[in-house]
Amino acid sequence: MKKNLQKCTALLLALVLALSLTACAPVAPEQDDVPLVPVADGATIGEGSKTFQMEVTDADGKVVKFTVKSDADTVGAALLALGVIAGDDSQYGLYVKSVNGITADYDKDQTWWGFYIDGVSATAGVDSTDIADGSTYGFKVESELSN
């Protein structure tokens, strides 16, 4: 009887441990409204009262232009919600590593995404740049070789 009780207790503890580990696992964000493929040149994505243009320039100089509609306050919030950009939060704001399905990561290949507002290098990050209707925002792959 004592051995059966020990086996049941061990099984119960293993079950509790497994359930607690499952409960601590990260949950994937809902992606029902997030495009699963990069945005095509000339497309319009999102819905909302604010509209702006995006230009994404890859390392080879290929440019993809599209229109974004959103009710978000910042360019970063709009692009994150639509799955256009991804990156890491840092003490300086969002460190953008992926734009429109293209990754530029300084730690891996000494490239990064430069952020532009109406063709001029931005002085603030994408996550702190308020949307100005009709403005054109851009990301361009940069490297020490391109400067």
Protein backbone atom coordinates (compact mmCIF):
# COMPACT_ATOMS: atom_id res chain seq x y z
CA MET A 1 0.00 0.00 0.00
CA LYS A 2 2.84 2.36 0.88
CA LYS A 3 4.49 1.75 -2.52
CA ASN A 4 1.21 2.48 -4.34
CA LEU A 5 0.87 5.74 -2.41
CA GLN A 6 4.44 6.72 -3.31
CA LYS A 7 3.82 5.92 -6.98
CA CYS A 8 0.60 7.96 -7.01
CA THR A 9 2.31 10.87 -5.27
CA ALA A 10 5.23 10.77 -7.74
CA LEU A 11 2.81 10.65 -10.68
CA LEU A 12 0.78 13.53 -9.27
CA LEU A 13 3.94 15.63 -8.73
CA ALA A 14 5.11 14.92 -12.29
CA LEU A 15 1.71 15.97 -13.63
CA VAL A 16 1.72 19.20 -11.60
CA LEU A 17 5.27 19.97 -12.80
CA ALA A 18 4.31 19.38 -16.44
CA LEU A 19 1.23 21.59 -16.15
CA SER A 20 3.17 24.38 -14.45
CA LEU A 21 5.81 24.35 -17.19
CA THR A 22 3.10 24.50 -19.84
CA ALA A 23 1.47 27.45 -18.07
CA CYS A 24 4.78 29.35 -18.14
CA ALA A 25 5.35 28.85 -21.86
CA PRO A 26 5.18 32.00 -24.00
CA VAL A 27 1.95 32.51 -25.87
CA ALA A 28 2.16 33.33 -29.58
CA PRO A 29 0.42 36.61 -30.45
CA GLU A 30 -2.82 36.54 -32.39
CA GLN A 31 -1.96 36.95 -36.07
CA ASP A 32 -5.36 36.89 -37.73
CA ASP A 33 -4.87 40.39 -39.20
CA VAL A 34 -1.11 40.12 -39.76
CA PRO A 35 0.06 39.42 -43.31
CA LEU A 36 1.91 36.12 -43.52
CA VAL A 37 3.92 37.21 -46.56
CA PRO A 38 5.78 40.46 -47.27
CA VAL A 39 3.68 43.38 -48.48
CA ALA A 40 3.70 43.68 -52.26
CA ASP A 41 4.75 46.81 -54.11
CA GLY A 42 1.75 49.11 -54.56
CA ALA A 43 -0.44 47.37 -51.96
CA THR A 44 -2.59 49.04 -49.33
CA ILE A 45 -2.69 47.37 -45.91
CA GLY A 46 -4.57 47.97 -42.68
CA GLU A 47 -7.64 49.97 -41.80
CA GLY A 48 -7.99 53.26 -40.00
CA SER A 49 -8.31 57.00 -40.20
CA LYS A 50 -4.58 57.73 -40.66
CA THR A 51 -2.77 57.04 -43.92
CA PHE A 52 0.92 57.08 -44.73
CA GLN A 53 3.28 55.74 -47.37
CA MET A 54 6.06 53.21 -46.71
CA GLU A 55 9.22 52.64 -48.74
CA VAL A 56 11.38 49.62 -47.94
CA THR A 57 14.81 49.45 -49.59
CA ASP A 58 16.69 46.15 -49.32
CA ALA A 59 20.47 45.64 -49.39
CA ASP A 60 20.43 45.35 -53.21
CA GLY A 61 18.63 48.68 -53.59
CA LYS A 62 15.25 47.18 -54.54
CA VAL A 63 12.44 49.44 -53.30
CA VAL A 64 8.95 48.29 -52.32
CA LYS A 65 6.37 51.05 -51.82
CA PHE A 66 2.99 50.56 -50.17
CA THR A 67 0.27 52.45 -48.31
CA VAL A 68 -0.55 51.90 -44.63
CA LYS A 69 -3.86 52.76 -42.96
CA SER A 70 -4.12 52.67 -39.18
CA ASP A 71 -5.63 54.21 -36.08
CA ALA A 72 -2.36 53.76 -34.16
CA ASP A 73 -0.60 56.82 -32.77
CA THR A 74 2.93 55.93 -33.89
CA VAL A 75 4.42 54.54 -37.08
CA GLY A 76 6.01 51.73 -35.08
CA ALA A 77 2.73 50.67 -33.46
CA ALA A 78 1.00 50.59 -36.86
CA LEU A 79 3.75 48.57 -38.53
CA LEU A 80 4.10 46.15 -35.60
CA ALA A 81 0.35 45.51 -35.53
CA LEU A 82 0.36 44.72 -39.25
CA GLY A 83 3.41 42.45 -39.03
CA VAL A 84 5.56 44.66 -41.27
CA ILE A 85 8.35 45.13 -38.71
CA ALA A 86 9.79 43.06 -35.88
CA GLY A 87 12.66 43.57 -33.50
CA ASP A 88 13.82 43.74 -29.91
CA ASP A 89 12.88 46.23 -27.23
CA SER A 90 15.88 48.04 -25.78
CA GLN A 91 16.51 50.92 -23.42
CA TYR A 92 16.53 53.18 -26.50
CA GLY A 93 13.26 51.87 -27.97
CA LEU A 94 12.54 49.26 -30.61
CA TYR A 95 15.62 47.87 -32.36
CA VAL A 96 14.13 46.92 -35.74
CA LYS A 97 15.68 43.75 -37.14
CA SER A 98 13.11 42.70 -39.73
CA VAL A 99 11.14 44.81 -42.20
CA ASN A 100 8.73 43.36 -44.73
CA GLY A 101 10.23 39.89 -44.29
CA ILE A 102 13.87 41.00 -44.69
CA THR A 103 16.27 40.73 -41.77
CA ALA A 104 19.18 43.10 -41.14
CA ASP A 105 20.99 42.36 -37.89
CA TYR A 106 24.19 44.17 -36.98
CA ASP A 107 25.23 41.39 -34.60
CA LYS A 108 25.09 38.86 -37.45
CA ASP A 109 26.08 40.72 -40.63
CA GLN A 110 26.94 44.32 -39.68
CA THR A 111 23.80 45.67 -41.35
CA TRP A 112 20.89 47.57 -39.81
CA TRP A 113 17.66 49.27 -40.76
CA GLY A 114 17.89 53.03 -41.17
CA PHE A 115 14.58 54.82 -40.57
CA TYR A 116 13.61 57.79 -42.77
CA ILE A 117 10.87 60.41 -42.70
CA ASP A 118 10.10 62.04 -46.05
CA GLY A 119 13.50 60.92 -47.36
CA VAL A 120 15.49 62.35 -44.42
CA SER A 121 17.19 60.20 -41.79
CA ALA A 122 14.93 60.24 -38.71
CA THR A 123 16.14 61.68 -35.42
CA ALA A 124 13.72 59.52 -33.40
CA GLY A 125 12.89 55.83 -33.45
CA VAL A 126 9.97 54.36 -35.34
CA ASP A 127 8.19 53.53 -32.09
CA SER A 128 8.27 57.16 -30.95
CA THR A 129 7.42 58.77 -34.29
CA ASP A 130 3.83 60.00 -34.46
CA ILE A 131 1.97 59.29 -37.68
CA ALA A 132 1.58 62.40 -39.82
CA ASP A 133 -1.11 61.86 -42.46
CA GLY A 134 0.34 61.88 -45.95
CA SER A 135 3.97 61.47 -44.84
CA THR A 136 6.31 58.92 -46.36
CA TYR A 137 8.28 56.75 -43.95
CA GLY A 138 11.03 54.44 -45.05
CA PHE A 139 13.41 51.74 -43.96
CA LYS A 140 16.66 51.10 -45.76
CA VAL A 141 19.26 48.41 -45.13
CA GLU A 142 22.46 50.21 -44.11
CA SER A 143 26.01 49.03 -43.47
CA GLU A 144 29.43 50.50 -42.90
CA LEU A 145 30.13 49.84 -46.59
CA SER A 146 27.08 51.84 -47.73
CA ASN A 147 28.03 54.96 -45.76
